[in-house]
Protein backbone atom coordinates (compact mmCIF):
# COMPACT_ATOMS: atom_id res chain seq x y z
CA MET A 1 7.44 6.89 -27.13
CA THR A 2 7.85 3.34 -25.83
CA HIS A 3 6.38 2.14 -22.54
CA SER A 4 9.87 1.99 -21.01
CA ASP A 5 10.58 5.55 -22.16
CA LEU A 6 7.29 6.69 -20.63
CA SER A 7 8.04 4.86 -17.39
CA ALA A 8 11.51 6.41 -17.22
CA GLU A 9 10.05 9.86 -17.84
CA MET A 10 7.42 9.38 -15.13
CA ALA A 11 10.06 8.12 -12.70
CA GLU A 12 12.14 11.22 -13.40
CA THR A 13 9.08 13.40 -12.86
CA ASP A 14 8.19 11.68 -9.60
CA ALA A 15 11.76 12.15 -8.34
CA TRP A 16 11.54 15.82 -9.36
CA ILE A 17 8.29 16.31 -7.41
CA SER A 18 9.69 14.45 -4.40
CA ALA A 19 12.77 16.67 -4.35
CA CYS A 20 10.61 19.80 -4.44
CA LEU A 21 8.55 18.55 -1.50
CA ARG A 22 11.67 17.86 0.55
CA LYS A 23 12.90 21.43 -0.06
CA ASP A 24 15.71 20.03 -2.17
CA PRO A 25 14.67 21.32 -5.59
CA PRO A 26 16.64 19.88 -8.48
CA ASP A 27 18.66 21.90 -10.94
CA GLY A 28 16.76 23.18 -13.94
CA LEU A 29 13.51 24.10 -12.20
CA ARG A 30 12.70 26.39 -15.10
CA HIS A 31 12.71 23.31 -17.35
CA PRO A 32 10.58 20.60 -15.67
CA PRO A 33 10.74 17.04 -17.05
CA LEU A 34 7.24 17.17 -18.59
CA ASP A 35 5.20 19.77 -20.44
CA THR A 36 2.98 22.00 -18.30
CA ALA A 37 -0.27 20.03 -18.59
CA ALA A 38 1.37 16.64 -18.03
CA LEU A 39 3.42 17.90 -15.09
CA ILE A 40 0.43 19.47 -13.33
CA SER A 41 -1.56 16.29 -13.96
CA ARG A 42 1.17 14.21 -12.33
CA VAL A 43 1.45 16.57 -9.35
CA ALA A 44 -2.34 16.43 -8.97
CA TYR A 45 -2.22 12.63 -9.05
CA HIS A 46 0.33 12.67 -6.25
CA GLY A 47 -2.06 14.89 -4.24
CA VAL A 48 0.58 17.52 -3.48
CA VAL A 49 -0.50 20.52 -5.55
CA GLY A 50 -1.47 22.51 -2.46
CA LEU A 51 1.72 21.66 -0.59
CA LEU A 52 3.87 22.83 -3.50
CA ALA A 53 1.74 25.92 -4.08
CA GLU A 54 2.31 26.91 -0.43
CA ASP A 55 6.05 27.18 -1.11
CA ALA A 56 6.40 30.76 -2.36
CA ALA A 57 10.10 30.36 -3.12
CA LEU A 58 9.42 27.29 -5.26
CA MET A 59 6.57 29.01 -7.12
CA ALA A 60 8.87 31.93 -7.93
CA ARG A 61 11.41 29.59 -9.54
CA LEU A 62 8.97 27.56 -11.62
CA PRO A 63 7.78 28.58 -15.10
CA ASP A 64 4.90 31.03 -14.73
CA GLU A 65 2.33 28.75 -16.38
CA VAL A 66 3.24 25.85 -14.06
CA ALA A 67 3.07 27.98 -10.91
CA GLN A 68 -0.21 29.59 -11.98
CA GLY A 69 -1.76 26.23 -12.82
CA MET A 70 -0.87 24.79 -9.42
CA GLN A 71 -2.10 27.85 -7.55
CA ASP A 72 -5.43 27.75 -9.39
CA ILE A 73 -5.93 24.10 -8.42
CA ALA A 74 -4.94 24.82 -4.81
CA ARG A 75 -7.59 27.55 -4.61
CA GLY A 76 -10.15 25.07 -5.90
CA HIS A 77 -9.13 22.59 -3.20
CA ALA A 78 -9.59 25.25 -0.52
CA PHE A 79 -13.06 26.13 -1.79
CA TRP A 80 -14.09 22.45 -1.93
CA GLU A 81 -12.74 21.90 1.59
CA LEU A 82 -14.93 24.65 3.03
CA ALA A 83 -18.01 23.16 1.38
CA HIS A 84 -17.17 19.58 2.37
CA ARG A 85 -16.51 20.58 5.96
CA ARG A 86 -19.92 22.26 6.07
CA LEU A 87 -21.63 19.06 4.92
CA LEU A 88 -19.80 16.89 7.46
CA THR A 89 -20.41 19.22 10.40
CA ARG A 90 -24.12 19.26 9.57
CA LEU A 91 -24.20 15.48 9.30
CA ALA A 92 -22.36 14.82 12.58
CA PRO A 93 -25.10 15.92 15.06
CA ASP A 94 -27.73 13.74 13.40
CA LEU A 95 -25.46 10.70 13.53
CA ALA A 96 -24.73 11.39 17.20
CA ALA A 97 -28.43 11.84 17.98
CA ALA A 98 -29.08 8.40 16.49
CA GLY A 99 -26.43 6.89 18.76
CA ILE A 100 -24.08 6.19 15.86
CA ALA A 101 -20.32 6.50 16.40
CA PRO A 102 -18.86 7.16 12.93
CA LEU A 103 -15.14 6.51 12.55
CA ILE A 104 -13.52 8.73 9.91
CA LEU A 105 -10.62 7.03 8.12
CA LYS A 106 -7.71 7.99 5.90
CA GLY A 107 -7.66 11.34 4.11
CA THR A 108 -10.32 13.34 5.91
CA ALA A 109 -9.20 12.18 9.36
CA LEU A 110 -5.59 13.04 8.59
CA ALA A 111 -6.48 16.36 6.95
CA TYR A 112 -7.89 17.58 10.27
CA LEU A 113 -5.32 15.86 12.47
CA VAL A 114 -1.81 16.20 11.03
CA TYR A 115 -2.00 18.89 8.33
CA ASP A 116 -1.75 22.61 9.09
CA LYS A 117 -4.59 23.31 6.67
CA PRO A 118 -7.09 20.56 5.78
CA ALA A 119 -7.15 21.68 2.14
CA LEU A 120 -3.51 20.60 1.86
CA ARG A 121 -4.73 16.99 2.09
CA PRO A 122 -6.95 16.64 -1.01
CA ARG A 123 -9.13 13.57 -1.45
CA GLY A 124 -12.03 12.47 -3.57
CA ASP A 125 -14.24 11.30 -0.73
CA THR A 126 -14.62 10.82 3.00
CA ASP A 127 -14.39 7.26 4.29
CA VAL A 128 -16.75 6.50 7.18
CA VAL A 129 -16.98 3.15 8.95
CA VAL A 130 -19.80 2.36 11.36
CA ALA A 131 -20.90 -0.66 13.36
CA GLU A 132 -22.74 -3.20 11.24
CA ALA A 133 -25.89 -2.64 13.30
CA ASP A 134 -25.79 1.08 12.38
CA TYR A 135 -25.15 0.65 8.66
CA THR A 136 -28.75 0.93 7.43
CA ARG A 137 -29.61 3.85 9.74
CA THR A 138 -26.51 5.71 8.56
CA GLN A 139 -27.66 5.26 4.97
CA GLN A 140 -31.03 6.73 5.88
CA ILE A 141 -29.40 9.76 7.51
CA LEU A 142 -27.21 10.33 4.46
CA LYS A 143 -30.29 10.27 2.24
CA ALA A 144 -32.02 12.76 4.54
CA HIS A 145 -29.05 15.09 3.99
CA GLY A 146 -29.46 14.98 0.22
CA PHE A 147 -27.02 12.17 -0.60
CA SER A 148 -27.92 9.41 -3.05
CA LEU A 149 -26.25 6.15 -4.04
CA ALA A 150 -23.38 6.84 -6.44
CA PHE A 151 -23.63 3.33 -7.92
CA ALA A 152 -25.38 0.09 -7.11
CA PRO A 153 -23.46 -2.24 -4.77
CA GLY A 154 -22.40 -5.66 -6.03
CA GLY A 155 -24.47 -7.41 -3.38
CA GLN A 156 -25.37 -7.42 0.30
CA ILE A 157 -22.83 -10.10 1.23
CA VAL A 158 -19.93 -9.66 -1.21
CA SER A 159 -19.86 -5.90 -0.64
CA SER A 160 -19.49 -4.22 2.76
CA GLN A 161 -19.51 -0.65 1.50
CA CYS A 162 -21.48 1.77 -0.62
CA SER A 163 -20.78 5.25 -1.95
CA TYR A 164 -23.14 8.17 -1.51
CA GLU A 165 -22.80 11.38 -3.49
CA ARG A 166 -24.22 14.86 -3.53
CA HIS A 167 -23.73 17.99 -5.62
CA ASP A 168 -24.00 21.11 -3.50
CA GLY A 169 -25.39 24.51 -4.45
CA HIS A 170 -22.06 25.49 -6.01
CA GLY A 171 -22.00 22.38 -8.20
CA LEU A 172 -19.23 20.79 -6.14
CA HIS A 173 -19.23 17.00 -5.95
CA HIS A 174 -19.07 15.32 -2.53
CA VAL A 175 -18.76 11.58 -1.91
CA ILE A 176 -19.02 9.62 1.32
CA ASP A 177 -17.82 6.02 1.19
CA LEU A 178 -19.77 4.24 3.89
CA HIS A 179 -18.29 1.00 5.26
CA ARG A 180 -19.52 -1.61 7.74
CA GLN A 181 -16.08 -3.25 7.60
CA THR A 182 -12.70 -1.64 6.97
CA ASN A 183 -12.00 -3.89 3.98
CA ASN A 184 -14.36 -5.19 1.32
CA HIS A 185 -12.54 -8.55 1.31
CA ALA A 186 -14.01 -10.81 3.98
CA ALA A 187 -10.59 -12.43 4.40
CA LEU A 188 -9.06 -9.08 5.38
CA ALA A 189 -11.98 -7.55 7.28
CA GLY A 190 -10.56 -8.78 10.58
CA VAL A 191 -7.24 -6.97 10.20
CA PHE A 192 -8.80 -3.70 11.41
CA PRO A 193 -12.16 -4.53 13.05
CA TYR A 194 -14.40 -1.54 13.69
CA ALA A 195 -14.82 -2.47 17.38
CA GLU A 196 -11.06 -2.54 17.92
CA LEU A 197 -10.48 0.80 16.20
CA ARG A 198 -13.48 2.29 18.01
CA ALA A 199 -12.10 1.25 21.40
CA ARG A 200 -8.91 3.26 20.76
CA ALA A 201 -10.51 6.08 18.77
CA GLU A 202 -10.40 9.75 19.70
CA PRO A 203 -12.64 12.69 18.77
CA LEU A 204 -11.76 14.41 15.51
CA ASP A 205 -11.78 17.78 17.25
CA GLY A 206 -10.45 19.70 14.27
CA LEU A 207 -13.61 18.83 12.36
CA ALA A 208 -16.39 17.83 14.77
CA PRO A 209 -15.93 16.14 18.17
CA MET A 210 -18.91 13.87 17.45
CA LEU A 211 -16.87 12.29 14.67
CA LEU A 212 -14.12 9.86 15.65
CA ARG A 213 -10.73 9.08 14.15
CA PRO A 214 -8.26 6.22 14.78
CA GLY A 215 -5.52 6.66 17.36
CA LEU A 216 -2.14 7.68 15.98
CA VAL A 217 -0.61 4.20 15.98
CA ASP A 218 -3.66 2.72 14.28
CA ALA A 219 -3.63 5.61 11.79
CA MET A 220 -0.02 4.84 10.86
CA LEU A 221 -0.71 1.12 10.50
CA PHE A 222 -3.74 1.86 8.35
CA ALA A 223 -1.76 4.29 6.18
CA CYS A 224 0.87 1.59 5.53
CA TYR A 225 -1.85 -0.96 4.79
CA HIS A 226 -3.80 1.38 2.50
CA ARG A 227 -0.75 2.13 0.37
CA PHE A 228 -0.05 -1.58 0.02
CA MET A 229 -3.63 -2.35 -1.06
CA HIS A 230 -3.18 -0.02 -4.03
CA ILE A 231 0.08 -1.46 -5.38
CA ALA A 232 -0.36 -2.30 -9.07
CA LYS A 233 -3.85 -0.75 -9.02
CA PRO A 234 -4.30 2.36 -11.19
CA ILE A 235 -5.92 5.40 -9.60
CA THR A 236 -7.96 7.95 -11.53
CA VAL A 237 -7.46 11.57 -10.51
CA THR A 238 -9.21 14.40 -12.38
CA GLY A 239 -10.11 11.99 -15.16
CA THR A 240 -6.58 10.66 -15.76
CA SER A 241 -5.46 7.16 -14.81
CA HIS A 242 -2.08 6.86 -13.06
CA LEU A 243 -0.10 3.85 -11.88
CA SER A 244 2.39 4.30 -9.06
CA GLU A 245 2.79 2.43 -5.80
CA ASN A 246 4.39 5.49 -4.22
CA ARG A 247 1.70 8.13 -4.39
CA LEU A 248 3.41 10.94 -2.54
CA ILE A 249 0.46 12.19 -0.49
CA TRP A 250 0.10 8.71 1.05
CA LEU A 251 3.79 8.73 1.96
CA LEU A 252 3.51 12.26 3.34
CA ASP A 253 0.62 11.09 5.52
CA MET A 254 3.10 8.73 7.18
CA VAL A 255 5.66 11.51 7.58
CA ARG A 256 3.05 13.76 9.21
CA ILE A 257 1.77 11.03 11.55
CA ALA A 258 5.33 10.12 12.55
CA ARG A 259 5.89 13.64 13.90
CA PHE A 260 3.41 12.83 16.68
CA LEU A 261 4.70 9.34 17.55
CA SER A 262 6.76 8.77 20.69
CA ASP A 263 9.32 6.00 21.09
CA SER A 264 6.65 4.07 22.97
CA ASP A 265 4.20 4.56 20.08
CA TRP A 266 6.74 3.12 17.63
CA GLU A 267 7.20 0.10 19.89
CA THR A 268 3.43 -0.37 20.01
CA LEU A 269 3.26 -0.10 16.23
CA VAL A 270 5.74 -2.96 15.83
CA VAL A 271 3.81 -5.12 18.31
CA ARG A 272 0.47 -4.51 16.57
CA ALA A 273 1.99 -5.00 13.13
CA ARG A 274 3.34 -8.37 14.25
CA GLU A 275 -0.05 -9.38 15.70
CA LYS A 276 -1.86 -8.39 12.50
CA GLY A 277 0.67 -9.88 10.09
CA LEU A 278 1.60 -6.45 8.77
CA LEU A 279 5.34 -6.32 9.48
CA ARG A 280 6.35 -6.77 5.86
CA ILE A 281 3.67 -4.41 4.60
CA CYS A 282 4.74 -1.74 7.11
CA HIS A 283 8.37 -2.24 6.12
CA GLY A 284 7.63 -1.61 2.45
CA SER A 285 5.47 1.43 3.11
CA LEU A 286 7.67 3.09 5.73
CA VAL A 287 10.86 2.57 3.72
CA ALA A 288 9.11 4.13 0.71
CA ALA A 289 8.07 7.08 2.89
CA ARG A 290 11.67 7.42 4.07
CA ASP A 291 13.13 7.32 0.56
CA TRP A 292 10.53 9.45 -1.21
CA ALA A 293 9.16 11.78 1.45
CA GLY A 294 11.90 12.09 4.06
CA LEU A 295 10.36 10.03 6.88
CA ASP A 296 12.61 9.82 9.94
CA LEU A 297 12.34 6.06 10.48
CA PRO A 298 13.89 4.97 13.81
CA ALA A 299 16.63 2.37 13.37
CA PRO A 300 15.18 -0.09 15.95
CA VAL A 301 11.82 0.03 14.14
CA LEU A 302 13.45 -0.63 10.78
CA GLN A 303 15.39 -3.54 12.26
CA ALA A 304 12.24 -5.06 13.73
CA LEU A 305 10.34 -4.69 10.46
CA GLU A 306 13.19 -6.26 8.49
CA SER A 307 12.72 -9.45 10.50
CA ALA A 308 9.24 -9.93 9.04
CA PRO A 309 8.40 -13.42 7.78
CA PRO A 310 7.76 -13.56 4.02
CA ASP A 311 4.38 -15.28 4.29
CA GLU A 312 2.23 -13.19 6.62
CA PRO A 313 -1.51 -13.83 6.00
CA PRO A 314 -2.37 -10.50 4.27
CA MET A 315 0.61 -10.98 1.93
CA ARG A 316 -0.48 -14.53 1.11
CA PHE A 317 -3.99 -13.32 0.35
CA LEU A 318 -2.92 -10.54 -1.99
CA ARG A 319 -0.44 -12.77 -3.82
CA ALA A 320 -3.02 -15.51 -4.32
CA GLY A 321 -4.54 -14.21 -7.55
CA ARG A 322 -8.25 -13.68 -8.22
CA ALA A 323 -9.28 -17.32 -7.78
CA GLY A 324 -7.29 -17.74 -4.58
CA ARG A 325 -8.73 -14.56 -3.10
CA LEU A 326 -12.23 -15.69 -4.02
CA MET A 327 -11.76 -18.94 -2.12
CA ALA A 328 -10.23 -17.14 0.87
CA ASN A 329 -13.16 -14.71 1.02
CA LEU A 330 -15.60 -17.60 0.83
CA ALA A 331 -13.83 -19.37 3.70
CA ALA A 332 -13.90 -16.18 5.79
CA THR A 333 -17.66 -15.69 5.29
CA PRO A 334 -19.46 -17.03 8.39
CA GLY A 335 -22.29 -19.55 8.18
CA THR A 336 -23.54 -21.85 5.43
CA GLY A 337 -26.35 -19.51 4.43
CA GLN A 338 -24.02 -16.55 4.10
CA ARG A 339 -21.56 -18.61 2.08
CA LEU A 340 -24.28 -19.72 -0.31
CA GLY A 341 -25.33 -16.10 -0.63
CA PHE A 342 -21.73 -15.10 -1.28
CA LEU A 343 -21.47 -17.65 -4.12
CA TRP A 344 -24.80 -16.54 -5.60
CA GLU A 345 -23.90 -12.84 -5.52
CA THR A 346 -20.45 -13.59 -6.95
CA ALA A 347 -21.98 -15.50 -9.86
CA PHE A 348 -25.08 -13.32 -10.32
CA PRO A 349 -24.69 -9.78 -8.94
CA PRO A 350 -27.86 -7.66 -8.68
CA ALA A 351 -29.37 -6.41 -11.92
CA ALA A 352 -28.82 -2.73 -11.07
CA TYR A 353 -25.12 -3.36 -10.52
CA MET A 354 -24.81 -5.31 -13.78
CA ARG A 355 -26.43 -2.54 -15.81
CA GLU A 356 -24.17 0.12 -14.30
CA ALA A 357 -20.95 -1.90 -14.44
CA PHE A 358 -21.32 -3.81 -17.71
CA GLY A 359 -24.02 -2.06 -19.71
CA HIS A 360 -23.77 0.75 -22.23
CA ALA A 361 -25.37 4.07 -21.34
CA GLY A 362 -28.53 4.78 -23.30
CA ARG A 363 -28.61 1.31 -24.87
CA PRO A 364 -30.77 -1.24 -23.01
CA GLU A 365 -29.42 -4.78 -23.18
CA PRO A 366 -30.80 -8.09 -21.93
CA LEU A 367 -29.50 -9.05 -18.50
CA PRO A 368 -28.21 -12.49 -19.68
CA LYS A 369 -26.00 -10.71 -22.21
CA LEU A 370 -24.49 -8.61 -19.43
CA TYR A 371 -23.78 -11.69 -17.32
CA LEU A 372 -22.05 -13.33 -20.31
CA ARG A 373 -19.97 -10.19 -20.88
CA ARG A 374 -18.93 -10.18 -17.23
CA ALA A 375 -18.08 -13.90 -17.30
CA TRP A 376 -15.95 -13.48 -20.42
CA ARG A 377 -13.94 -10.65 -18.83
CA GLY A 378 -13.63 -12.57 -15.59
CA LEU A 379 -12.11 -15.70 -17.12
CA ALA A 380 -8.79 -13.99 -17.80
CA ALA A 381 -8.80 -12.25 -14.43
CA LEU A 382 -9.21 -15.54 -12.57
CA THR A 383 -5.87 -16.77 -13.90
CA GLN A 384 -3.94 -13.62 -13.02
CA LYS A 385 -1.40 -13.67 -10.23
CA GLY A 386 -1.77 -11.26 -7.36
CA GLY A 387 -0.16 -8.27 -5.95
CA THR A 388 3.40 -7.49 -4.92
CA ASP A 389 7.07 -8.20 -4.64
CA LEU A 390 7.46 -6.52 -1.24
C-alpha cells in the first residue's frame, strides 16, 4: 500500500469515526473501513473509545468484535480514572497546606468540568502548572507521594517542565507533567502566563476544590492553542504513532466548552485572542471543530477570526524552523547569565538526559559519543521549516 493510499484510508476512517460521534453513522457500519485491530487503534488514538462505547445503538450495529473491543477499553479507562482520581485527591491537600495553588490544564481539567463522566475524556497524564517559586516544593511533594522522575530534563533553563510517574498497587501507570510555565518554549511562555490564568481561575470542584482550573474562555483559547502546537507532530497512543492535526477528542473538548459559553464569553474570547496573537490559530482550530465535531460556531465570531493577520507572533515562531525558534527562545530568555546558560544547555544537555535520550539501554557509551550522535541528528533538523499552513 502506498503512502497516499494509506493516507486516503485513514482519512476515510477518520470521517467514519467523526460521523459516528455526531450521531450520523455512515452506511455500511457492519463493514468498517479498517480491520478490527486497526480501527480500534485509530479510535483509541482519537480518544473517543468511551464516547462511542456509550452509544448502545451504535454498538448494536457494529461488528461484534469491534463493539466488544471498544467496550473492553472503555472499562479500562473507567478503572484507571478511579485510581487516578484517588491519587490527585490525596495530593491536593498537601499542596494546599504548602500554600501552593496548582492549576490543572487540558484533559484532566476538562474531564471534570465539561464531560458527564470523567472517564470519557481519556488522557495519558495530568498537566499541572504552578508558580515558579513553588516548582521545587511541588516536586518534593510529588516524591513524598511515591512519584519519581519519568525521565531526566534537558536542563534547568531550556526546560520548564518535568514528568513524574508512579505505578499504583494495581499496576496502573500515572503521570503528572509539572510545569512552571505553560509552554516549554521561552518565546511562547508569555502567551498564557501562570499569574494571568491564576487570576481568572476557578476551583475544580468536580475533582477537588483545592485544585484550580482555567476559566471557560481561557480553557477554550488553550484548547485551540494546544491543538495547533501538535500540528505535524506525531502522537503515540497505546504504543502506536499517529499523525493527524484533527485529533477528535481535542475538537470535542472545544464543542463541550462551547456549550457553556455565553455571547459575552465569545466576545471576550475574540478580544483575548487578538491580544495574544491567536486569532488565526483559533480560526483554524474552531473551524476544524465545526467541520469534524459539530461545533456551533457563532457567525460573528467566525467573521472576527477570519480577519486575522497572517503574521501573528505565535504563527511566525512556529513557522520559523528549528534554527529560527532557537534564536527566538534565546532572545526571550531574560538576562545575560540565563542566556549563556541557555546556550550551554542547548549545546551540552545534562549527562543523565543524554544517556536516556541518545543512549542504548544496557550498553554504556562514552558521553562524547552521545553528544556527537545528537549533533549529527540535529544538523538536519536545524534546516527544516516549521509548522503549518493555517
